[in-house]
PDB file of N, CA and C in Angstrom:
ATOM      1  N   MET A   1     -77.609 -24.530  66.116  1.00  0.00           N
ATOM      2  CA  MET A   1     -75.955 -24.994  66.545  1.00  0.00           C
ATOM      3  C   MET A   1     -74.705 -24.207  65.680  1.00  0.00           C
ATOM      4  N   LEU A   2     -73.570 -23.974  66.602  1.00  0.00           N
ATOM      5  CA  LEU A   2     -72.203 -23.831  65.818  1.00  0.00           C
ATOM      6  C   LEU A   2     -71.985 -24.579  65.188  1.00  0.00           C
ATOM      7  N   ASP A   3     -70.887 -24.846  64.737  1.00  0.00           N
ATOM      8  CA  ASP A   3     -69.698 -26.101  64.474  1.00  0.00           C
ATOM      9  C   ASP A   3     -68.819 -25.713  64.919  1.00  0.00           C
ATOM     10  N   ILE A   4     -68.056 -25.690  66.343  1.00  0.00           N
ATOM     11  CA  ILE A   4     -67.502 -25.782  66.837  1.00  0.00           C
ATOM     12  C   ILE A   4     -66.373 -26.664  67.120  1.00  0.00           C
ATOM     13  N   ALA A   5     -66.718 -27.551  66.832  1.00  0.00           N
ATOM     14  CA  ALA A   5     -65.192 -28.968  66.499  1.00  0.00           C
ATOM     15  C   ALA A   5     -64.361 -28.313  65.047  1.00  0.00           C
ATOM     16  N   ALA A   6     -65.414 -27.657  63.913  1.00  0.00           N
ATOM     17  CA  ALA A   6     -64.094 -26.816  63.191  1.00  0.00           C
ATOM     18  C   ALA A   6     -64.464 -25.497  62.876  1.00  0.00           C
ATOM     19  N   PRO A   7     -64.082 -24.848  63.713  1.00  0.00           N
ATOM     20  CA  PRO A   7     -64.202 -23.221  63.988  1.00  0.00           C
ATOM     21  C   PRO A   7     -63.735 -22.707  62.419  1.00  0.00           C
ATOM     22  N   ALA A   8     -63.836 -21.378  61.935  1.00  0.00           N
ATOM     23  CA  ALA A   8     -63.869 -21.172  61.313  1.00  0.00           C
ATOM     24  C   ALA A   8     -62.822 -20.741  60.778  1.00  0.00           C
ATOM     25  N   ASP A   9     -61.851 -20.579  59.700  1.00  0.00           N
ATOM     26  CA  ASP A   9     -61.001 -20.680  59.132  1.00  0.00           C
ATOM     27  C   ASP A   9     -59.549 -20.481  61.037  1.00  0.00           C
ATOM     28  N   ILE A  10     -59.168 -21.100  60.929  1.00  0.00           N
ATOM     29  CA  ILE A  10     -58.147 -20.634  61.837  1.00  0.00           C
ATOM     30  C   ILE A  10     -56.612 -21.163  61.374  1.00  0.00           C
ATOM     31  N   GLU A  11     -55.545 -20.278  61.636  1.00  0.00           N
ATOM     32  CA  GLU A  11     -54.271 -21.059  60.804  1.00  0.00           C
ATOM     33  C   GLU A  11     -53.039 -20.903  62.043  1.00  0.00           C
ATOM     34  N   GLU A  12     -52.807 -22.125  62.449  1.00  0.00           N
ATOM     35  CA  GLU A  12     -51.999 -21.813  63.756  1.00  0.00           C
ATOM     36  C   GLU A  12     -50.426 -22.426  63.083  1.00  0.00           C
ATOM     37  N   GLY A  13     -50.408 -22.482  62.180  1.00  0.00           N
ATOM     38  CA  GLY A  13     -48.524 -22.926  61.735  1.00  0.00           C
ATOM     39  C   GLY A  13     -48.425 -21.773  60.892  1.00  0.00           C
ATOM     40  N   PHE A  14     -47.650 -21.319  60.239  1.00  0.00           N
ATOM     41  CA  PHE A  14     -46.660 -20.826  59.478  1.00  0.00           C
ATOM     42  C   PHE A  14     -47.208 -21.615  57.983  1.00  0.00           C
ATOM     43  N   GLU A  15     -47.615 -20.788  57.417  1.00  0.00           N
ATOM     44  CA  GLU A  15     -47.975 -21.637  55.810  1.00  0.00           C
ATOM     45  C   GLU A  15     -47.357 -20.412  54.611  1.00  0.00           C
ATOM     46  N   ASP A  16     -47.500 -20.250  54.066  1.00  0.00           N
ATOM     47  CA  ASP A  16     -46.314 -19.113  53.549  1.00  0.00           C
ATOM     48  C   ASP A  16     -46.492 -17.189  53.458  1.00  0.00           C
ATOM     49  N   GLY A  17     -45.845 -17.465  54.660  1.00  0.00           N
ATOM     50  CA  GLY A  17     -45.382 -15.844  55.694  1.00  0.00           C
ATOM     51  C   GLY A  17     -46.510 -16.111  56.203  1.00  0.00           C
ATOM     52  N   GLU A  18     -47.882 -16.528  56.474  1.00  0.00           N
ATOM     53  CA  GLU A  18     -48.244 -16.141  57.683  1.00  0.00           C
ATOM     54  C   GLU A  18     -48.328 -15.939  58.606  1.00  0.00           C
ATOM     55  N   GLU A  19     -48.918 -15.613  59.454  1.00  0.00           N
ATOM     56  CA  GLU A  19     -48.646 -15.476  60.959  1.00  0.00           C
ATOM     57  C   GLU A  19     -49.414 -16.186  61.307  1.00  0.00           C
ATOM     58  N   PRO A  20     -49.405 -16.479  62.608  1.00  0.00           N
ATOM     59  CA  PRO A  20     -49.921 -18.607  63.692  1.00  0.00           C
ATOM     60  C   PRO A  20     -51.428 -17.219  64.147  1.00  0.00           C
ATOM     61  N   ASN A  21     -52.117 -17.697  64.692  1.00  0.00           N
ATOM     62  CA  ASN A  21     -53.486 -17.244  65.350  1.00  0.00           C
ATOM     63  C   ASN A  21     -54.082 -16.511  64.351  1.00  0.00           C
ATOM     64  N   MET A  22     -54.775 -16.753  63.377  1.00  0.00           N
ATOM     65  CA  MET A  22     -55.113 -16.285  62.455  1.00  0.00           C
ATOM     66  C   MET A  22     -56.273 -16.741  61.578  1.00  0.00           C
ATOM     67  N   VAL A  23     -57.231 -15.611  61.885  1.00  0.00           N
ATOM     68  CA  VAL A  23     -59.228 -15.749  61.446  1.00  0.00           C
ATOM     69  C   VAL A  23     -58.997 -15.497  60.278  1.00  0.00           C
ATOM     70  N   ARG A  24     -59.191 -16.356  59.678  1.00  0.00           N
ATOM     71  CA  ARG A  24     -59.760 -16.050  57.889  1.00  0.00           C
ATOM     72  C   ARG A  24     -61.055 -15.987  57.468  1.00  0.00           C
ATOM     73  N   ILE A  25     -61.959 -14.872  57.037  1.00  0.00           N
ATOM     74  CA  ILE A  25     -62.893 -14.238  57.184  1.00  0.00           C
ATOM     75  C   ILE A  25     -63.790 -15.064  55.984  1.00  0.00           C
ATOM     76  N   GLY A  26     -64.196 -16.247  55.447  1.00  0.00           N
ATOM     77  CA  GLY A  26     -65.462 -16.285  54.288  1.00  0.00           C
ATOM     78  C   GLY A  26     -66.425 -15.629  54.442  1.00  0.00           C
ATOM     79  N   LYS A  27     -66.856 -16.880  53.973  1.00  0.00           N
ATOM     80  CA  LYS A  27     -68.664 -16.947  53.544  1.00  0.00           C
ATOM     81  C   LYS A  27     -69.867 -17.630  54.351  1.00  0.00           C
ATOM     82  N   LYS A  28     -68.882 -18.241  55.900  1.00  0.00           N
ATOM     83  CA  LYS A  28     -69.401 -18.515  57.203  1.00  0.00           C
ATOM     84  C   LYS A  28     -70.010 -17.317  57.881  1.00  0.00           C
ATOM     85  N   PRO A  29     -71.401 -17.399  58.145  1.00  0.00           N
ATOM     86  CA  PRO A  29     -71.874 -16.530  59.051  1.00  0.00           C
ATOM     87  C   PRO A  29     -70.886 -15.835  60.760  1.00  0.00           C
ATOM     88  N   ILE A  30     -70.779 -15.082  60.303  1.00  0.00           N
ATOM     89  CA  ILE A  30     -70.371 -13.949  61.772  1.00  0.00           C
ATOM     90  C   ILE A  30     -70.253 -14.527  63.176  1.00  0.00           C
ATOM     91  N   MET A  31     -71.093 -14.743  63.409  1.00  0.00           N
ATOM     92  CA  MET A  31     -70.907 -15.787  64.643  1.00  0.00           C
ATOM     93  C   MET A  31     -69.808 -17.246  64.841  1.00  0.00           C
ATOM     94  N   ASN A  32     -69.036 -17.891  63.999  1.00  0.00           N
ATOM     95  CA  ASN A  32     -68.317 -18.694  63.573  1.00  0.00           C
ATOM     96  C   ASN A  32     -67.414 -18.108  64.303  1.00  0.00           C
ATOM     97  N   TYR A  33     -67.165 -16.909  62.988  1.00  0.00           N
ATOM     98  CA  TYR A  33     -65.912 -16.449  62.801  1.00  0.00           C
ATOM     99  C   TYR A  33     -65.980 -15.488  64.160  1.00  0.00           C
ATOM    100  N   VAL A  34     -66.170 -15.393  65.387  1.00  0.00           N
ATOM    101  CA  VAL A  34     -66.074 -14.024  66.452  1.00  0.00           C
ATOM    102  C   VAL A  34     -65.647 -15.625  67.130  1.00  0.00           C
ATOM    103  N   VAL A  35     -66.893 -17.069  66.883  1.00  0.00           N
ATOM    104  CA  VAL A  35     -66.203 -18.306  67.897  1.00  0.00           C
ATOM    105  C   VAL A  35     -65.344 -18.703  67.788  1.00  0.00           C
ATOM    106  N   ALA A  36     -64.870 -18.378  66.664  1.00  0.00           N
ATOM    107  CA  ALA A  36     -63.032 -18.760  66.951  1.00  0.00           C
ATOM    108  C   ALA A  36     -62.160 -17.418  67.296  1.00  0.00           C
ATOM    109  N   CYS A  37     -62.290 -16.978  67.519  1.00  0.00           N
ATOM    110  CA  CYS A  37     -62.122 -15.254  67.632  1.00  0.00           C
ATOM    111  C   CYS A  37     -61.573 -15.196  69.387  1.00  0.00           C
ATOM    112  N   MET A  38     -62.621 -16.142  69.936  1.00  0.00           N
ATOM    113  CA  MET A  38     -62.628 -15.988  71.518  1.00  0.00           C
ATOM    114  C   MET A  38     -62.119 -17.102  71.768  1.00  0.00           C
ATOM    115  N   THR A  39     -62.809 -18.758  70.900  1.00  0.00           N
ATOM    116  CA  THR A  39     -61.332 -19.173  71.436  1.00  0.00           C
ATOM    117  C   THR A  39     -60.160 -19.171  71.280  1.00  0.00           C
ATOM    118  N   LEU A  40     -59.867 -18.686  70.309  1.00  0.00           N
ATOM    119  CA  LEU A  40     -57.806 -18.360  70.212  1.00  0.00           C
ATOM    120  C   LEU A  40     -57.457 -17.672  71.627  1.00  0.00           C
ATOM    121  N   LEU A  41     -58.643 -16.371  71.838  1.00  0.00           N
ATOM    122  CA  LEU A  41     -58.155 -15.909  73.052  1.00  0.00           C
ATOM    123  C   LEU A  41     -58.358 -16.127  74.356  1.00  0.00           C
ATOM    124  N   ASN A  42     -59.357 -16.920  74.276  1.00  0.00           N
ATOM    125  CA  ASN A  42     -58.996 -18.163  75.760  1.00  0.00           C
ATOM    126  C   ASN A  42     -58.002 -19.308  75.941  1.00  0.00           C
ATOM    127  N   THR A  43     -57.909 -19.420  75.042  1.00  0.00           N
ATOM    128  CA  THR A  43     -56.526 -20.237  74.923  1.00  0.00           C
ATOM    129  C   THR A  43     -55.153 -19.914  75.249  1.00  0.00           C
ATOM    130  N   GLY A  44     -55.110 -18.436  75.360  1.00  0.00           N
ATOM    131  CA  GLY A  44     -54.402 -18.199  76.426  1.00  0.00           C
ATOM    132  C   GLY A  44     -53.128 -17.009  75.034  1.00  0.00           C
ATOM    133  N   VAL A  45     -53.396 -17.350  73.502  1.00  0.00           N
ATOM    134  CA  VAL A  45     -53.203 -16.732  72.830  1.00  0.00           C
ATOM    135  C   VAL A  45     -53.281 -14.726  73.302  1.00  0.00           C
ATOM    136  N   ALA A  46     -52.315 -14.440  72.642  1.00  0.00           N
ATOM    137  CA  ALA A  46     -52.134 -12.483  73.474  1.00  0.00           C
ATOM    138  C   ALA A  46     -52.390 -12.268  72.156  1.00  0.00           C
ATOM    139  N   ASP A  47     -52.478 -12.482  70.718  1.00  0.00           N
ATOM    140  CA  ASP A  47     -53.249 -11.939  69.809  1.00  0.00           C
ATOM    141  C   ASP A  47     -53.517 -12.490  68.714  1.00  0.00           C
ATOM    142  N   VAL A  48     -54.881 -12.122  68.115  1.00  0.00           N
ATOM    143  CA  VAL A  48     -55.735 -13.184  66.828  1.00  0.00           C
ATOM    144  C   VAL A  48     -55.745 -11.495  65.646  1.00  0.00           C
ATOM    145  N   MET A  49     -54.791 -11.963  64.417  1.00  0.00           N
ATOM    146  CA  MET A  49     -54.952 -11.245  63.554  1.00  0.00           C
ATOM    147  C   MET A  49     -56.453 -11.304  62.745  1.00  0.00           C
ATOM    148  N   VAL A  50     -58.018 -11.333  62.203  1.00  0.00           N
ATOM    149  CA  VAL A  50     -58.674 -10.926  62.028  1.00  0.00           C
ATOM    150  C   VAL A  50     -58.658 -10.533  60.697  1.00  0.00           C
ATOM    151  N   ARG A  51     -58.562 -11.526  58.983  1.00  0.00           N
ATOM    152  CA  ARG A  51     -58.548 -11.413  58.107  1.00  0.00           C
ATOM    153  C   ARG A  51     -59.362 -11.508  56.712  1.00  0.00           C
ATOM    154  N   GLY A  52     -60.100  -9.988  56.178  1.00  0.00           N
ATOM    155  CA  GLY A  52     -61.207  -9.475  55.025  1.00  0.00           C
ATOM    156  C   GLY A  52     -60.281  -9.432  53.766  1.00  0.00           C
ATOM    157  N   ARG A  53     -61.016 -10.336  52.571  1.00  0.00           N
ATOM    158  CA  ARG A  53     -60.358 -10.094  50.917  1.00  0.00           C
ATOM    159  C   ARG A  53     -61.384  -9.244  50.200  1.00  0.00           C
ATOM    160  N   GLY A  54     -61.905  -8.868  50.065  1.00  0.00           N
ATOM    161  CA  GLY A  54     -62.672  -8.322  48.859  1.00  0.00           C
ATOM    162  C   GLY A  54     -63.794  -8.499  49.859  1.00  0.00           C
ATOM    163  N   GLN A  55     -65.123  -8.712  49.256  1.00  0.00           N
ATOM    164  CA  GLN A  55     -66.390  -8.434  50.019  1.00  0.00           C
ATOM    165  C   GLN A  55     -66.023  -9.263  51.386  1.00  0.00           C
ATOM    166  N   SER A  56     -65.895  -9.315  51.167  1.00  0.00           N
ATOM    167  CA  SER A  56     -65.023 -10.629  53.409  1.00  0.00           C
ATOM    168  C   SER A  56     -64.638  -9.016  53.890  1.00  0.00           C
ATOM    169  N   ILE A  57     -64.404  -8.175  53.528  1.00  0.00           N
ATOM    170  CA  ILE A  57     -64.304  -6.762  54.998  1.00  0.00           C
ATOM    171  C   ILE A  57     -64.717  -6.823  55.268  1.00  0.00           C
ATOM    172  N   THR A  58     -66.031  -6.622  54.979  1.00  0.00           N
ATOM    173  CA  THR A  58     -67.141  -6.034  55.635  1.00  0.00           C
ATOM    174  C   THR A  58     -67.555  -6.691  56.792  1.00  0.00           C
ATOM    175  N   LYS A  59     -67.268  -8.118  56.802  1.00  0.00           N
ATOM    176  CA  LYS A  59     -67.931  -9.203  58.078  1.00  0.00           C
ATOM    177  C   LYS A  59     -66.415  -9.781  58.833  1.00  0.00           C
ATOM    178  N   ALA A  60     -65.343  -8.857  58.202  1.00  0.00           N
ATOM    179  CA  ALA A  60     -63.840  -8.554  59.172  1.00  0.00           C
ATOM    180  C   ALA A  60     -64.049  -7.972  60.524  1.00  0.00           C
ATOM    181  N   VAL A  61     -64.932  -6.882  60.088  1.00  0.00           N
ATOM    182  CA  VAL A  61     -64.747  -4.938  60.638  1.00  0.00           C
ATOM    183  C   VAL A  61     -65.547  -6.187  61.523  1.00  0.00           C
ATOM    184  N   GLU A  62     -66.973  -6.540  61.069  1.00  0.00           N
ATOM    185  CA  GLU A  62     -68.063  -6.900  62.314  1.00  0.00           C
ATOM    186  C   GLU A  62     -67.826  -7.240  63.455  1.00  0.00           C
ATOM    187  N   VAL A  63     -66.906  -8.637  62.599  1.00  0.00           N
ATOM    188  CA  VAL A  63     -66.662 -10.028  64.023  1.00  0.00           C
ATOM    189  C   VAL A  63     -65.687  -9.670  64.507  1.00  0.00           C
ATOM    190  N   VAL A  64     -65.272  -7.851  64.903  1.00  0.00           N
ATOM    191  CA  VAL A  64     -64.419  -7.491  65.608  1.00  0.00           C
ATOM    192  C   VAL A  64     -64.942  -6.154  66.444  1.00  0.00           C
ATOM    193  N   ASP A  65     -65.595  -5.838  65.409  1.00  0.00           N
ATOM    194  CA  ASP A  65     -67.144  -4.695  66.758  1.00  0.00           C
ATOM    195  C   ASP A  65     -67.962  -5.493  67.614  1.00  0.00           C
ATOM    196  N   MET A  66     -68.672  -6.882  66.810  1.00  0.00           N
ATOM    197  CA  MET A  66     -69.379  -7.515  67.596  1.00  0.00           C
ATOM    198  C   MET A  66     -68.113  -8.519  69.334  1.00  0.00           C
ATOM    199  N   LEU A  67     -67.562  -9.112  68.524  1.00  0.00           N
ATOM    200  CA  LEU A  67     -66.208  -9.497  69.715  1.00  0.00           C
ATOM    201  C   LEU A  67     -66.301  -8.572  70.695  1.00  0.00           C
ATOM    202  N   ARG A  68     -65.865  -7.123  70.478  1.00  0.00           N
ATOM    203  CA  ARG A  68     -65.731  -6.043  71.649  1.00  0.00           C
ATOM    204  C   ARG A  68     -66.989  -5.729  71.908  1.00  0.00           C
ATOM    205  N   ARG A  69     -68.117  -5.138  71.761  1.00  0.00           N
ATOM    206  CA  ARG A  69     -69.381  -5.065  71.632  1.00  0.00           C
ATOM    207  C   ARG A  69     -70.151  -5.487  72.782  1.00  0.00           C
ATOM    208  N   ALA A  70     -69.887  -7.274  72.348  1.00  0.00           N
ATOM    209  CA  ALA A  70     -71.007  -7.972  72.993  1.00  0.00           C
ATOM    210  C   ALA A  70     -70.369  -9.306  74.072  1.00  0.00           C
ATOM    211  N   PHE A  71     -68.790 -10.060  72.986  1.00  0.00           N
ATOM    212  CA  PHE A  71     -67.898 -10.302  74.759  1.00  0.00           C
ATOM    213  C   PHE A  71     -67.438 -10.223  75.115  1.00  0.00           C
ATOM    214  N   MET A  72     -66.251  -9.757  74.772  1.00  0.00           N
ATOM    215  CA  MET A  72     -65.410  -9.206  75.516  1.00  0.00           C
ATOM    216  C   MET A  72     -64.845  -7.079  75.588  1.00  0.00           C
ATOM    217  N   LYS A  73     -65.606  -7.462  76.322  1.00  0.00           N
ATOM    218  CA  LYS A  73     -65.207  -5.751  76.267  1.00  0.00           C
ATOM    219  C   LYS A  73     -63.736  -5.008  76.627  1.00  0.00           C
ATOM    220  N   ASN A  74     -63.059  -5.922  77.147  1.00  0.00           N
ATOM    221  CA  ASN A  74     -62.029  -5.647  77.235  1.00  0.00           C
ATOM    222  C   ASN A  74     -60.674  -6.237  75.948  1.00  0.00           C
ATOM    223  N   ILE A  75     -61.144  -6.108  75.204  1.00  0.00           N
ATOM    224  CA  ILE A  75     -59.961  -6.539  74.316  1.00  0.00           C
ATOM    225  C   ILE A  75     -60.459  -5.316  73.388  1.00  0.00           C
ATOM    226  N   ARG A  76     -58.849  -5.841  73.098  1.00  0.00           N
ATOM    227  CA  ARG A  76     -58.230  -4.088  71.865  1.00  0.00           C
ATOM    228  C   ARG A  76     -57.759  -3.968  71.130  1.00  0.00           C
ATOM    229  N   ILE A  77     -57.811  -2.839  69.906  1.00  0.00           N
ATOM    230  CA  ILE A  77     -57.658  -3.430  68.766  1.00  0.00           C
ATOM    231  C   ILE A  77     -56.214  -3.131  68.692  1.00  0.00           C
ATOM    232  N   HIS A  78     -55.018  -3.642  68.173  1.00  0.00           N
ATOM    233  CA  HIS A  78     -53.832  -2.655  68.706  1.00  0.00           C
ATOM    234  C   HIS A  78     -53.519  -2.204  67.091  1.00  0.00           C
ATOM    235  N   SER A  79     -53.600  -3.537  65.431  1.00  0.00           N
ATOM    236  CA  SER A  79     -53.193  -2.210  64.510  1.00  0.00           C
ATOM    237  C   SER A  79     -54.358  -2.984  63.411  1.00  0.00           C
ATOM    238  N   VAL A  80     -54.594  -2.469  62.260  1.00  0.00           N
ATOM    239  CA  VAL A  80     -55.684  -2.196  61.510  1.00  0.00           C
ATOM    240  C   VAL A  80     -54.773  -1.504  59.726  1.00  0.00           C
ATOM    241  N   ASP A  81     -54.521  -2.865  59.512  1.00  0.00           N
ATOM    242  CA  ASP A  81     -53.453  -2.585  57.625  1.00  0.00           C
ATOM    243  C   ASP A  81     -54.162  -3.368  56.450  1.00  0.00           C
ATOM    244  N   ILE A  82     -54.666  -1.964  56.225  1.00  0.00           N
ATOM    245  CA  ILE A  82     -55.148  -1.755  54.610  1.00  0.00           C
ATOM    246  C   ILE A  82     -54.146  -2.363  53.397  1.00  0.00           C
ATOM    247  N   GLY A  83     -54.010  -3.221  52.147  1.00  0.00           N
ATOM    248  CA  GLY A  83     -54.056  -3.364  50.865  1.00  0.00           C
ATOM    249  C   GLY A  83     -54.569  -4.147  49.784  1.00  0.00           C
ATOM    250  N   THR A  84     -53.572  -4.094  49.012  1.00  0.00           N
ATOM    251  CA  THR A  84     -53.578  -4.682  48.295  1.00  0.00           C
ATOM    252  C   THR A  84     -53.099  -6.922  47.862  1.00  0.00           C
ATOM    253  N   GLU A  85     -53.918  -7.509  47.802  1.00  0.00           N
ATOM    254  CA  GLU A  85     -52.426  -8.716  46.828  1.00  0.00           C
ATOM    255  C   GLU A  85     -53.308  -9.399  45.874  1.00  0.00           C
ATOM    256  N   GLU A  86     -51.929  -9.467  45.226  1.00  0.00           N
ATOM    257  CA  GLU A  86     -52.061 -10.118  44.145  1.00  0.00           C
ATOM    258  C   GLU A  86     -52.655 -11.530  43.926  1.00  0.00           C
ATOM    259  N   VAL A  87     -53.771 -11.902  43.252  1.00  0.00           N
ATOM    260  CA  VAL A  87     -54.049 -12.866  43.924  1.00  0.00           C
ATOM    261  C   VAL A  87     -54.090 -13.541  42.418  1.00  0.00           C
ATOM    262  N   LYS A  88     -53.768 -15.246  41.902  1.00  0.00           N
ATOM    263  CA  LYS A  88     -53.573 -16.066  40.627  1.00  0.00           C
ATOM    264  C   LYS A  88     -54.604 -16.722  40.550  1.00  0.00           C
ATOM    265  N   ARG A  89     -55.587 -15.909  39.666  1.00  0.00           N
ATOM    266  CA  ARG A  89     -56.998 -16.742  39.131  1.00  0.00           C
ATOM    267  C   ARG A  89     -56.347 -17.842  38.187  1.00  0.00           C
ATOM    268  N   GLU A  90     -57.340 -19.418  38.281  1.00  0.00           N
ATOM    269  CA  GLU A  90     -57.175 -20.498  37.805  1.00  0.00           C
ATOM    270  C   GLU A  90     -56.264 -20.572  36.045  1.00  0.00           C
ATOM    271  N   ASP A  91     -57.193 -19.217  35.619  1.00  0.00           N
ATOM    272  CA  ASP A  91     -57.111 -19.004  33.962  1.00  0.00           C
ATOM    273  C   ASP A  91     -55.322 -18.596  33.823  1.00  0.00           C
ATOM    274  N   GLY A  92     -54.535 -18.568  35.159  1.00  0.00           N
ATOM    275  CA  GLY A  92     -52.965 -17.827  35.254  1.00  0.00           C
ATOM    276  C   GLY A  92     -53.277 -16.715  35.550  1.00  0.00           C
ATOM    277  N   SER A  93     -54.033 -15.639  35.216  1.00  0.00           N
ATOM    278  CA  SER A  93     -54.031 -14.357  35.785  1.00  0.00           C
ATOM    279  C   SER A  93     -54.080 -14.508  36.343  1.00  0.00           C
ATOM    280  N   THR A  94     -53.709 -12.845  36.640  1.00  0.00           N
ATOM    281  CA  THR A  94     -53.722 -12.296  38.250  1.00  0.00           C
ATOM    282  C   THR A  94     -54.360 -10.974  38.455  1.00  0.00           C
ATOM    283  N   ALA A  95     -55.166 -10.321  39.418  1.00  0.00           N
ATOM    284  CA  ALA A  95     -56.356 -10.339  39.996  1.00  0.00           C
ATOM    285  C   ALA A  95     -55.905  -8.989  41.391  1.00  0.00           C
ATOM    286  N   SER A  96     -55.795  -7.495  41.381  1.00  0.00           N
ATOM    287  CA  SER A  96     -55.492  -7.232  42.693  1.00  0.00           C
ATOM    288  C   SER A  96     -57.038  -7.270  43.427  1.00  0.00           C
ATOM    289  N   LEU A  97     -56.414  -7.775  44.400  1.00  0.00           N
ATOM    290  CA  LEU A  97     -57.479  -8.338  45.807  1.00  0.00           C
ATOM    291  C   LEU A  97     -57.132  -7.068  47.191  1.00  0.00           C
ATOM    292  N   SER A  98     -58.186  -6.198  47.328  1.00  0.00           N
ATOM    293  CA  SER A  98     -58.280  -5.742  48.476  1.00  0.00           C
ATOM    294  C   SER A  98     -58.076  -6.365  49.596  1.00  0.00           C
ATOM    295  N   MET A  99     -57.940  -6.361  50.954  1.00  0.00           N
ATOM    296  CA  MET A  99     -57.447  -7.031  52.003  1.00  0.00           C
ATOM    297  C   MET A  99     -57.166  -5.597  52.823  1.00  0.00           C
ATOM    298  N   ILE A 100     -58.234  -6.617  54.264  1.00  0.00           N
ATOM    299  CA  ILE A 100     -57.677  -6.183  55.604  1.00  0.00           C
ATOM    300  C   ILE A 100     -57.119  -6.566  56.813  1.00  0.00           C
ATOM    301  N   GLU A 101     -56.187  -6.004  57.124  1.00  0.00           N
ATOM    302  CA  GLU A 101     -55.925  -7.709  58.822  1.00  0.00           C
ATOM    303  C   GLU A 101     -56.060  -6.864  60.255  1.00  0.00           C
ATOM    304  N   ILE A 102     -56.760  -6.661  60.964  1.00  0.00           N
ATOM    305  CA  ILE A 102     -57.025  -6.514  62.386  1.00  0.00           C
ATOM    306  C   ILE A 102     -56.102  -7.096  63.466  1.00  0.00           C
ATOM    307  N   ILE A 103     -55.448  -6.542  64.106  1.00  0.00           N
ATOM    308  CA  ILE A 103     -54.444  -7.237  65.047  1.00  0.00           C
ATOM    309  C   ILE A 103     -55.702  -6.874  66.185  1.00  0.00           C
ATOM    310  N   VAL A 104     -56.163  -8.400  66.592  1.00  0.00           N
ATOM    311  CA  VAL A 104     -57.013  -7.697  67.965  1.00  0.00           C
ATOM    312  C   VAL A 104     -56.246  -9.041  69.167  1.00  0.00           C
ATOM    313  N   GLY A 105     -56.292  -8.743  70.563  1.00  0.00           N
ATOM    314  CA  GLY A 105     -55.478  -8.431  71.930  1.00  0.00           C
ATOM    315  C   GLY A 105     -55.522  -8.181  73.270  1.00  0.00           C
ATOM    316  N   HIS A 106     -55.011  -8.898  74.328  1.00  0.00           N
ATOM    317  CA  HIS A 106     -56.109  -8.341  75.651  1.00  0.00           C
ATOM    318  C   HIS A 106     -55.080  -6.291  76.249  1.00  0.00           C
TER     319      HIS A 106
END
């Protein structure tokens, strides 16, 4: 059973310059993120940003593809951005981490 009470990492506020209505892809199962996207889109949000970094890039693409193929056939991909982010490690050093942002909506 999916944990809908605490869906995937949904950010509905601005934090550190980030966009609202963002679903961050992590280590949870793909369906958790698909449900999170559907929940946001069904509440009237125009666009949802799906963001994956590092090894989660593949999962982010799978989430959007599953959303389009199986659940919301009328959904459109508005933009796909790729890039590299500087991430601070626990030891104080910085590392480059690849990322993808896919914006989907009606």
